[in-house]
Amino acid sequence: MGCLAVLLIVLRITGFGPHGRTPGLWLSGELVTTPVTDWSFTDKVQNVQLQTNTWYGIPHSVNINCSTYKGQLYLDSFYPAGLTYPHGRSWNENIARDPHVRIRIGNKLYDRTLVLVTDPALKEAVDELKLKKYPDLKLPPGGTIVLFHVVDNS
């Protein structure tokens, strides 16, 4: 039990982020505490890392796409036919339970809140920009895209 505690402490300090499609634990980097009014700097970033809070207290982190629209940051999750939000994606289930997340862009960490986007017109506008940023992106037949708006913690 003591070895597990030491391992978790080491991982907490050093981080253990996701690699490719393999999820990780804690994200490490420099915490940015100032508000971000324009996220368009992420237009040059292919993937960000997202850390969510599990019900059992150990973070879950993933690599995901990001898009901006009118300077605002959006993150998305793709669902194949037959699955619906939040089921089938651990990080989506975590967000449905606790929308407070940590996002890593480069070596910078941002503590934010994710808000599920339900406005069809906004989803369509962000999806158009996403397809320009990721031209090879293919949605599985019958699949859906779940969109989240990144907002400052209040």
N, C-alpha and C. Protein backbone atom coordinates (compact mmCIF):
# COMPACT_ATOMS: atom_id res chain seq x y z
N MET A 1 0.83 -1.19 0.00
CA MET A 1 0.00 0.00 0.00
C MET A 1 0.87 1.25 0.00
N GLY A 2 1.97 1.20 0.75
CA GLY A 2 2.89 2.34 0.81
C GLY A 2 3.51 2.63 -0.54
N CYS A 3 3.85 1.57 -1.30
CA CYS A 3 4.44 1.75 -2.63
C CYS A 3 3.46 2.43 -3.58
N LEU A 4 2.18 2.08 -3.48
CA LEU A 4 1.16 2.70 -4.31
C LEU A 4 1.04 4.18 -4.00
N ALA A 5 1.07 4.53 -2.73
CA ALA A 5 0.99 5.93 -2.32
C ALA A 5 2.18 6.71 -2.86
N VAL A 6 3.38 6.15 -2.76
CA VAL A 6 4.57 6.81 -3.28
C VAL A 6 4.47 6.98 -4.80
N LEU A 7 4.02 5.94 -5.49
CA LEU A 7 3.85 6.01 -6.93
C LEU A 7 2.88 7.12 -7.32
N LEU A 8 1.75 7.21 -6.64
CA LEU A 8 0.76 8.25 -6.94
C LEU A 8 1.32 9.64 -6.66
N ILE A 9 2.12 9.79 -5.63
CA ILE A 9 2.73 11.09 -5.32
C ILE A 9 3.72 11.47 -6.43
N VAL A 10 4.54 10.52 -6.85
CA VAL A 10 5.49 10.79 -7.94
C VAL A 10 4.76 11.16 -9.22
N LEU A 11 3.71 10.41 -9.56
CA LEU A 11 2.93 10.72 -10.76
C LEU A 11 2.25 12.08 -10.66
N ARG A 12 1.80 12.43 -9.47
CA ARG A 12 1.15 13.73 -9.27
C ARG A 12 2.12 14.87 -9.52
N ILE A 13 3.36 14.69 -9.10
CA ILE A 13 4.37 15.73 -9.27
C ILE A 13 4.86 15.79 -10.72
N THR A 14 5.12 14.65 -11.31
CA THR A 14 5.70 14.62 -12.66
C THR A 14 4.66 14.64 -13.76
N GLY A 15 3.42 14.29 -13.44
CA GLY A 15 2.38 14.18 -14.45
C GLY A 15 2.48 12.85 -15.16
N PHE A 16 1.43 12.48 -15.79
CA PHE A 16 1.39 11.24 -16.56
C PHE A 16 0.30 11.44 -17.59
N GLY A 17 0.61 12.33 -18.55
CA GLY A 17 -0.39 12.72 -19.54
C GLY A 17 -0.67 11.63 -20.55
N PRO A 18 -1.69 11.84 -21.37
CA PRO A 18 -2.05 10.85 -22.38
C PRO A 18 -1.02 10.80 -23.50
N HIS A 19 -0.94 9.66 -24.16
CA HIS A 19 -0.04 9.48 -25.30
C HIS A 19 -0.85 8.88 -26.44
N GLY A 20 -0.97 9.64 -27.53
CA GLY A 20 -1.78 9.17 -28.65
C GLY A 20 -3.22 8.95 -28.21
N ARG A 21 -3.73 7.76 -28.43
CA ARG A 21 -5.11 7.44 -28.05
C ARG A 21 -5.19 6.80 -26.68
N THR A 22 -4.03 6.66 -26.00
CA THR A 22 -4.00 6.06 -24.67
C THR A 22 -4.22 7.15 -23.62
N PRO A 23 -5.24 7.02 -22.78
CA PRO A 23 -5.49 8.04 -21.76
C PRO A 23 -4.36 8.09 -20.74
N GLY A 24 -4.29 9.21 -20.04
CA GLY A 24 -3.30 9.40 -18.99
C GLY A 24 -3.97 9.81 -17.69
N LEU A 25 -3.14 10.32 -16.78
CA LEU A 25 -3.63 10.77 -15.47
C LEU A 25 -3.46 12.28 -15.38
N TRP A 26 -2.61 12.74 -14.45
CA TRP A 26 -2.42 14.16 -14.22
C TRP A 26 -1.66 14.81 -15.37
N LEU A 27 -2.01 16.06 -15.65
CA LEU A 27 -1.27 16.86 -16.61
C LEU A 27 -0.33 17.78 -15.84
N SER A 28 0.87 17.95 -16.35
CA SER A 28 1.83 18.85 -15.70
C SER A 28 2.12 20.01 -16.63
N GLY A 29 2.58 21.11 -16.07
CA GLY A 29 2.90 22.30 -16.83
C GLY A 29 2.77 23.53 -15.96
N GLU A 30 2.80 24.68 -16.60
CA GLU A 30 2.71 25.97 -15.90
C GLU A 30 1.25 26.44 -15.88
N LEU A 31 0.71 26.63 -14.69
CA LEU A 31 -0.68 27.04 -14.54
C LEU A 31 -0.86 28.51 -14.90
N VAL A 32 -1.78 28.79 -15.81
CA VAL A 32 -2.14 30.15 -16.21
C VAL A 32 -3.40 30.53 -15.45
N THR A 33 -3.34 31.59 -14.66
CA THR A 33 -4.49 31.98 -13.85
C THR A 33 -5.22 33.20 -14.40
N THR A 34 -4.66 33.84 -15.41
CA THR A 34 -5.32 35.02 -15.97
C THR A 34 -6.38 34.58 -16.99
N PRO A 35 -7.44 35.38 -17.14
CA PRO A 35 -8.47 35.04 -18.13
C PRO A 35 -7.91 35.08 -19.55
N VAL A 36 -8.46 34.27 -20.42
CA VAL A 36 -8.10 34.29 -21.84
C VAL A 36 -9.31 34.83 -22.60
N THR A 37 -9.13 35.95 -23.28
CA THR A 37 -10.25 36.55 -24.01
C THR A 37 -10.30 36.13 -25.47
N ASP A 38 -9.17 35.64 -25.99
CA ASP A 38 -9.13 35.20 -27.38
C ASP A 38 -8.28 33.93 -27.48
N TRP A 39 -8.94 32.83 -27.79
CA TRP A 39 -8.28 31.53 -27.87
C TRP A 39 -7.79 31.23 -29.28
N SER A 40 -7.79 32.19 -30.19
CA SER A 40 -7.43 31.90 -31.58
C SER A 40 -5.99 31.42 -31.73
N PHE A 41 -5.16 31.59 -30.70
CA PHE A 41 -3.79 31.06 -30.77
C PHE A 41 -3.82 29.53 -30.89
N THR A 42 -4.93 28.90 -30.53
CA THR A 42 -5.03 27.43 -30.64
C THR A 42 -5.33 26.98 -32.06
N ASP A 43 -5.56 27.92 -32.97
CA ASP A 43 -5.82 27.53 -34.36
C ASP A 43 -4.61 26.81 -34.97
N LYS A 44 -3.43 27.06 -34.41
CA LYS A 44 -2.21 26.40 -34.90
C LYS A 44 -1.91 25.12 -34.15
N VAL A 45 -2.75 24.76 -33.18
CA VAL A 45 -2.55 23.59 -32.34
C VAL A 45 -3.49 22.48 -32.81
N GLN A 46 -2.94 21.31 -33.12
CA GLN A 46 -3.77 20.21 -33.59
C GLN A 46 -4.56 19.55 -32.47
N ASN A 47 -3.92 19.31 -31.34
CA ASN A 47 -4.58 18.65 -30.21
C ASN A 47 -4.23 19.35 -28.91
N VAL A 48 -5.17 19.33 -28.00
CA VAL A 48 -4.92 19.77 -26.63
C VAL A 48 -5.11 18.56 -25.74
N GLN A 49 -4.63 18.67 -24.52
CA GLN A 49 -4.83 17.59 -23.57
C GLN A 49 -5.85 18.07 -22.54
N LEU A 50 -6.78 17.20 -22.22
CA LEU A 50 -7.87 17.53 -21.31
C LEU A 50 -7.84 16.58 -20.12
N GLN A 51 -7.82 17.16 -18.92
CA GLN A 51 -7.86 16.36 -17.69
C GLN A 51 -9.22 16.54 -17.04
N THR A 52 -9.90 15.41 -16.80
CA THR A 52 -11.20 15.43 -16.13
C THR A 52 -11.08 14.80 -14.75
N ASN A 53 -12.10 14.98 -13.95
CA ASN A 53 -12.11 14.47 -12.58
C ASN A 53 -12.99 13.22 -12.50
N THR A 54 -12.38 12.11 -12.12
CA THR A 54 -13.13 10.86 -11.98
C THR A 54 -13.86 10.84 -10.64
N TRP A 55 -14.82 9.95 -10.52
CA TRP A 55 -15.56 9.81 -9.26
C TRP A 55 -14.68 9.21 -8.17
N TYR A 56 -13.59 8.53 -8.56
CA TYR A 56 -12.73 7.86 -7.58
C TYR A 56 -11.48 8.68 -7.24
N GLY A 57 -11.39 9.92 -7.74
CA GLY A 57 -10.36 10.84 -7.29
C GLY A 57 -9.05 10.86 -8.05
N ILE A 58 -8.85 9.98 -9.03
CA ILE A 58 -7.63 10.01 -9.84
C ILE A 58 -7.99 10.59 -11.20
N PRO A 59 -7.33 11.67 -11.62
CA PRO A 59 -7.68 12.30 -12.89
C PRO A 59 -7.57 11.37 -14.09
N HIS A 60 -8.33 11.71 -15.12
CA HIS A 60 -8.34 10.98 -16.40
C HIS A 60 -8.06 12.03 -17.47
N SER A 61 -7.02 11.84 -18.29
CA SER A 61 -6.69 12.83 -19.31
C SER A 61 -6.65 12.18 -20.69
N VAL A 62 -7.01 12.99 -21.70
CA VAL A 62 -7.07 12.53 -23.09
C VAL A 62 -6.55 13.62 -24.02
N ASN A 63 -6.15 13.20 -25.22
CA ASN A 63 -5.83 14.13 -26.31
C ASN A 63 -7.09 14.34 -27.13
N ILE A 64 -7.41 15.59 -27.43
CA ILE A 64 -8.62 15.87 -28.22
C ILE A 64 -8.38 17.04 -29.17
N ASN A 65 -9.26 17.15 -30.17
CA ASN A 65 -9.24 18.27 -31.11
C ASN A 65 -9.78 19.52 -30.43
N CYS A 66 -9.39 20.67 -30.97
CA CYS A 66 -9.95 21.93 -30.48
C CYS A 66 -10.23 22.84 -31.66
N SER A 67 -11.22 23.70 -31.49
CA SER A 67 -11.59 24.66 -32.53
C SER A 67 -11.93 25.98 -31.86
N THR A 68 -11.74 27.07 -32.61
CA THR A 68 -12.18 28.37 -32.09
C THR A 68 -13.24 28.94 -33.02
N TYR A 69 -14.11 29.71 -32.42
CA TYR A 69 -15.14 30.42 -33.16
C TYR A 69 -15.34 31.74 -32.44
N LYS A 70 -15.12 32.85 -33.17
CA LYS A 70 -15.23 34.18 -32.60
C LYS A 70 -14.37 34.31 -31.33
N GLY A 71 -13.18 33.72 -31.37
CA GLY A 71 -12.24 33.82 -30.26
C GLY A 71 -12.51 32.90 -29.09
N GLN A 72 -13.60 32.16 -29.15
CA GLN A 72 -13.95 31.23 -28.07
C GLN A 72 -13.44 29.83 -28.40
N LEU A 73 -13.09 29.06 -27.36
CA LEU A 73 -12.54 27.73 -27.55
C LEU A 73 -13.63 26.67 -27.38
N TYR A 74 -13.60 25.68 -28.28
CA TYR A 74 -14.55 24.57 -28.26
C TYR A 74 -13.80 23.25 -28.36
N LEU A 75 -14.26 22.27 -27.62
CA LEU A 75 -13.72 20.92 -27.65
C LEU A 75 -14.84 19.99 -28.07
N ASP A 76 -14.49 18.89 -28.74
CA ASP A 76 -15.55 18.00 -29.19
C ASP A 76 -15.24 16.55 -28.92
N SER A 77 -16.29 15.76 -28.98
CA SER A 77 -16.20 14.32 -28.80
C SER A 77 -17.05 13.67 -29.88
N PHE A 78 -16.48 12.66 -30.53
CA PHE A 78 -17.19 11.96 -31.59
C PHE A 78 -17.81 10.69 -31.05
N TYR A 79 -19.05 10.47 -31.41
CA TYR A 79 -19.78 9.28 -30.97
C TYR A 79 -20.19 8.46 -32.18
N PRO A 80 -19.83 7.17 -32.19
CA PRO A 80 -20.30 6.31 -33.28
C PRO A 80 -21.80 6.04 -33.12
N ALA A 81 -22.42 5.56 -34.17
CA ALA A 81 -23.84 5.22 -34.12
C ALA A 81 -24.09 4.26 -32.97
N GLY A 82 -25.18 4.48 -32.25
CA GLY A 82 -25.54 3.60 -31.15
C GLY A 82 -25.14 4.10 -29.78
N LEU A 83 -24.20 5.05 -29.70
CA LEU A 83 -23.81 5.62 -28.42
C LEU A 83 -24.32 7.05 -28.33
N THR A 84 -24.70 7.47 -27.14
CA THR A 84 -25.16 8.84 -26.94
C THR A 84 -24.47 9.44 -25.73
N TYR A 85 -24.29 10.76 -25.77
CA TYR A 85 -23.66 11.48 -24.67
C TYR A 85 -24.46 11.26 -23.40
N PRO A 86 -23.79 11.04 -22.27
CA PRO A 86 -22.35 10.96 -22.05
C PRO A 86 -21.81 9.53 -22.06
N HIS A 87 -22.62 8.57 -22.39
CA HIS A 87 -22.24 7.16 -22.27
C HIS A 87 -21.22 6.74 -23.32
N GLY A 88 -20.30 5.88 -22.91
CA GLY A 88 -19.34 5.32 -23.84
C GLY A 88 -18.00 6.02 -23.90
N ARG A 89 -17.89 7.17 -23.31
CA ARG A 89 -16.63 7.92 -23.25
C ARG A 89 -16.39 8.29 -21.79
N SER A 90 -15.35 7.74 -21.20
CA SER A 90 -15.08 8.01 -19.77
C SER A 90 -14.97 9.49 -19.48
N TRP A 91 -14.25 10.21 -20.33
CA TRP A 91 -14.06 11.63 -20.05
C TRP A 91 -15.36 12.40 -20.19
N ASN A 92 -16.25 11.99 -21.07
CA ASN A 92 -17.56 12.64 -21.20
C ASN A 92 -18.42 12.37 -19.97
N GLU A 93 -18.36 11.14 -19.46
CA GLU A 93 -19.10 10.81 -18.24
C GLU A 93 -18.58 11.65 -17.07
N ASN A 94 -17.25 11.85 -17.02
CA ASN A 94 -16.67 12.68 -15.97
C ASN A 94 -17.17 14.12 -16.07
N ILE A 95 -17.23 14.66 -17.29
CA ILE A 95 -17.68 16.04 -17.49
C ILE A 95 -19.15 16.19 -17.13
N ALA A 96 -19.98 15.21 -17.48
CA ALA A 96 -21.40 15.27 -17.15
C ALA A 96 -21.59 15.34 -15.63
N ARG A 97 -20.69 14.70 -14.89
CA ARG A 97 -20.76 14.69 -13.44
C ARG A 97 -20.08 15.92 -12.83
N ASP A 98 -18.95 16.34 -13.42
CA ASP A 98 -18.17 17.48 -12.91
C ASP A 98 -17.53 18.19 -14.10
N PRO A 99 -18.08 19.35 -14.52
CA PRO A 99 -17.58 20.02 -15.72
C PRO A 99 -16.27 20.78 -15.55
N HIS A 100 -15.68 20.77 -14.35
CA HIS A 100 -14.41 21.46 -14.12
C HIS A 100 -13.27 20.62 -14.66
N VAL A 101 -12.45 21.21 -15.53
CA VAL A 101 -11.40 20.49 -16.22
C VAL A 101 -10.09 21.28 -16.18
N ARG A 102 -9.04 20.62 -16.57
CA ARG A 102 -7.73 21.26 -16.78
C ARG A 102 -7.35 20.97 -18.22
N ILE A 103 -6.96 22.01 -18.94
CA ILE A 103 -6.57 21.88 -20.35
C ILE A 103 -5.09 22.23 -20.46
N ARG A 104 -4.35 21.40 -21.17
CA ARG A 104 -2.94 21.70 -21.42
C ARG A 104 -2.76 22.01 -22.90
N ILE A 105 -2.20 23.19 -23.15
CA ILE A 105 -1.87 23.64 -24.50
C ILE A 105 -0.39 23.98 -24.46
N GLY A 106 0.42 23.20 -25.17
CA GLY A 106 1.87 23.34 -25.05
C GLY A 106 2.26 22.93 -23.64
N ASN A 107 2.92 23.83 -22.92
CA ASN A 107 3.29 23.56 -21.53
C ASN A 107 2.44 24.38 -20.55
N LYS A 108 1.37 24.99 -21.04
CA LYS A 108 0.51 25.84 -20.21
C LYS A 108 -0.74 25.08 -19.80
N LEU A 109 -1.13 25.24 -18.55
CA LEU A 109 -2.33 24.61 -18.00
C LEU A 109 -3.39 25.67 -17.74
N TYR A 110 -4.63 25.36 -18.08
CA TYR A 110 -5.76 26.27 -17.89
C TYR A 110 -6.86 25.51 -17.15
N ASP A 111 -7.24 25.98 -15.98
CA ASP A 111 -8.37 25.41 -15.25
C ASP A 111 -9.63 26.10 -15.73
N ARG A 112 -10.54 25.35 -16.30
CA ARG A 112 -11.74 25.91 -16.90
C ARG A 112 -12.94 25.01 -16.63
N THR A 113 -14.10 25.43 -17.15
CA THR A 113 -15.34 24.67 -17.06
C THR A 113 -15.83 24.42 -18.49
N LEU A 114 -16.35 23.22 -18.73
CA LEU A 114 -16.92 22.90 -20.04
C LEU A 114 -18.43 22.96 -19.95
N VAL A 115 -19.02 23.59 -20.96
CA VAL A 115 -20.48 23.72 -21.05
C VAL A 115 -20.92 23.04 -22.34
N LEU A 116 -21.86 22.12 -22.23
CA LEU A 116 -22.39 21.40 -23.38
C LEU A 116 -23.12 22.39 -24.30
N VAL A 117 -22.78 22.39 -25.58
CA VAL A 117 -23.42 23.27 -26.56
C VAL A 117 -24.63 22.54 -27.14
N THR A 118 -25.80 23.18 -27.02
CA THR A 118 -27.03 22.59 -27.55
C THR A 118 -27.63 23.39 -28.71
N ASP A 119 -27.10 24.60 -28.95
CA ASP A 119 -27.60 25.46 -30.02
C ASP A 119 -27.16 24.90 -31.38
N PRO A 120 -28.10 24.44 -32.22
CA PRO A 120 -27.74 23.83 -33.51
C PRO A 120 -26.97 24.79 -34.43
N ALA A 121 -27.31 26.07 -34.43
CA ALA A 121 -26.62 27.02 -35.31
C ALA A 121 -25.16 27.20 -34.87
N LEU A 122 -24.91 27.27 -33.58
CA LEU A 122 -23.55 27.39 -33.08
C LEU A 122 -22.76 26.12 -33.39
N LYS A 123 -23.38 24.96 -33.18
CA LYS A 123 -22.70 23.69 -33.48
C LYS A 123 -22.31 23.64 -34.96
N GLU A 124 -23.21 24.05 -35.83
CA GLU A 124 -22.94 24.01 -37.26
C GLU A 124 -21.79 24.96 -37.62
N ALA A 125 -21.76 26.16 -37.04
CA ALA A 125 -20.70 27.12 -37.32
C ALA A 125 -19.34 26.60 -36.86
N VAL A 126 -19.29 26.01 -35.67
CA VAL A 126 -18.03 25.46 -35.16
C VAL A 126 -17.61 24.25 -35.99
N ASP A 127 -18.56 23.41 -36.36
CA ASP A 127 -18.25 22.22 -37.17
C ASP A 127 -17.64 22.61 -38.52
N GLU A 128 -18.14 23.68 -39.14
CA GLU A 128 -17.59 24.15 -40.41
C GLU A 128 -16.12 24.52 -40.25
N LEU A 129 -15.81 25.26 -39.19
CA LEU A 129 -14.42 25.65 -38.96
C LEU A 129 -13.55 24.45 -38.61
N LYS A 130 -14.12 23.51 -37.89
CA LYS A 130 -13.38 22.29 -37.52
C LYS A 130 -12.98 21.52 -38.77
N LEU A 131 -13.88 21.42 -39.75
CA LEU A 131 -13.58 20.68 -40.98
C LEU A 131 -12.50 21.38 -41.80
N LYS A 132 -12.39 22.69 -41.69
CA LYS A 132 -11.30 23.41 -42.36
C LYS A 132 -9.98 23.14 -41.66
N LYS A 133 -10.00 23.08 -40.34
CA LYS A 133 -8.78 22.83 -39.57
C LYS A 133 -8.33 21.38 -39.70
N TYR A 134 -9.29 20.47 -39.73
CA TYR A 134 -9.02 19.03 -39.81
C TYR A 134 -9.66 18.46 -41.07
N PRO A 135 -9.09 18.73 -42.25
CA PRO A 135 -9.75 18.30 -43.50
C PRO A 135 -9.88 16.78 -43.66
N ASP A 136 -9.06 16.01 -42.97
CA ASP A 136 -9.13 14.55 -43.08
C ASP A 136 -10.07 13.93 -42.05
N LEU A 137 -10.72 14.76 -41.26
CA LEU A 137 -11.61 14.28 -40.21
C LEU A 137 -12.84 13.62 -40.82
N LYS A 138 -13.12 12.42 -40.38
CA LYS A 138 -14.28 11.69 -40.88
C LYS A 138 -15.17 11.27 -39.70
N LEU A 139 -16.42 11.62 -39.80
CA LEU A 139 -17.39 11.21 -38.79
C LEU A 139 -17.94 9.84 -39.20
N PRO A 140 -17.94 8.88 -38.26
CA PRO A 140 -18.47 7.56 -38.61
C PRO A 140 -19.93 7.66 -39.08
N PRO A 141 -20.35 6.81 -40.03
CA PRO A 141 -21.74 6.84 -40.49
C PRO A 141 -22.71 6.70 -39.32
N GLY A 142 -23.68 7.60 -39.26
CA GLY A 142 -24.66 7.58 -38.18
C GLY A 142 -24.14 8.15 -36.88
N GLY A 143 -22.89 8.63 -36.87
CA GLY A 143 -22.29 9.17 -35.65
C GLY A 143 -22.72 10.60 -35.38
N THR A 144 -22.39 11.07 -34.21
CA THR A 144 -22.71 12.44 -33.81
C THR A 144 -21.48 13.10 -33.19
N ILE A 145 -21.49 14.41 -33.20
CA ILE A 145 -20.43 15.20 -32.55
C ILE A 145 -21.06 15.91 -31.36
N VAL A 146 -20.43 15.74 -30.20
CA VAL A 146 -20.84 16.46 -29.00
C VAL A 146 -19.86 17.61 -28.83
N LEU A 147 -20.36 18.82 -28.65
CA LEU A 147 -19.53 20.02 -28.60
C LEU A 147 -19.60 20.65 -27.22
N PHE A 148 -18.41 21.06 -26.72
CA PHE A 148 -18.31 21.74 -25.43
C PHE A 148 -17.67 23.10 -25.61
N HIS A 149 -18.22 24.10 -24.93
CA HIS A 149 -17.67 25.45 -24.90
C HIS A 149 -16.80 25.56 -23.65
N VAL A 150 -15.57 26.06 -23.82
CA VAL A 150 -14.66 26.25 -22.70
C VAL A 150 -14.91 27.64 -22.13
N VAL A 151 -15.25 27.71 -20.84
CA VAL A 151 -15.50 28.99 -20.18
C VAL A 151 -14.62 29.11 -18.94
N ASP A 152 -14.36 30.37 -18.53
CA ASP A 152 -13.60 30.60 -17.30
C ASP A 152 -14.36 30.07 -16.12
N ASN A 153 -13.61 29.59 -15.13
CA ASN A 153 -14.26 29.15 -13.88
C ASN A 153 -14.83 30.36 -13.17
N SER A 154 -16.01 30.23 -12.67
CA SER A 154 -16.65 31.36 -11.96
C SER A 154 -16.91 31.00 -10.52
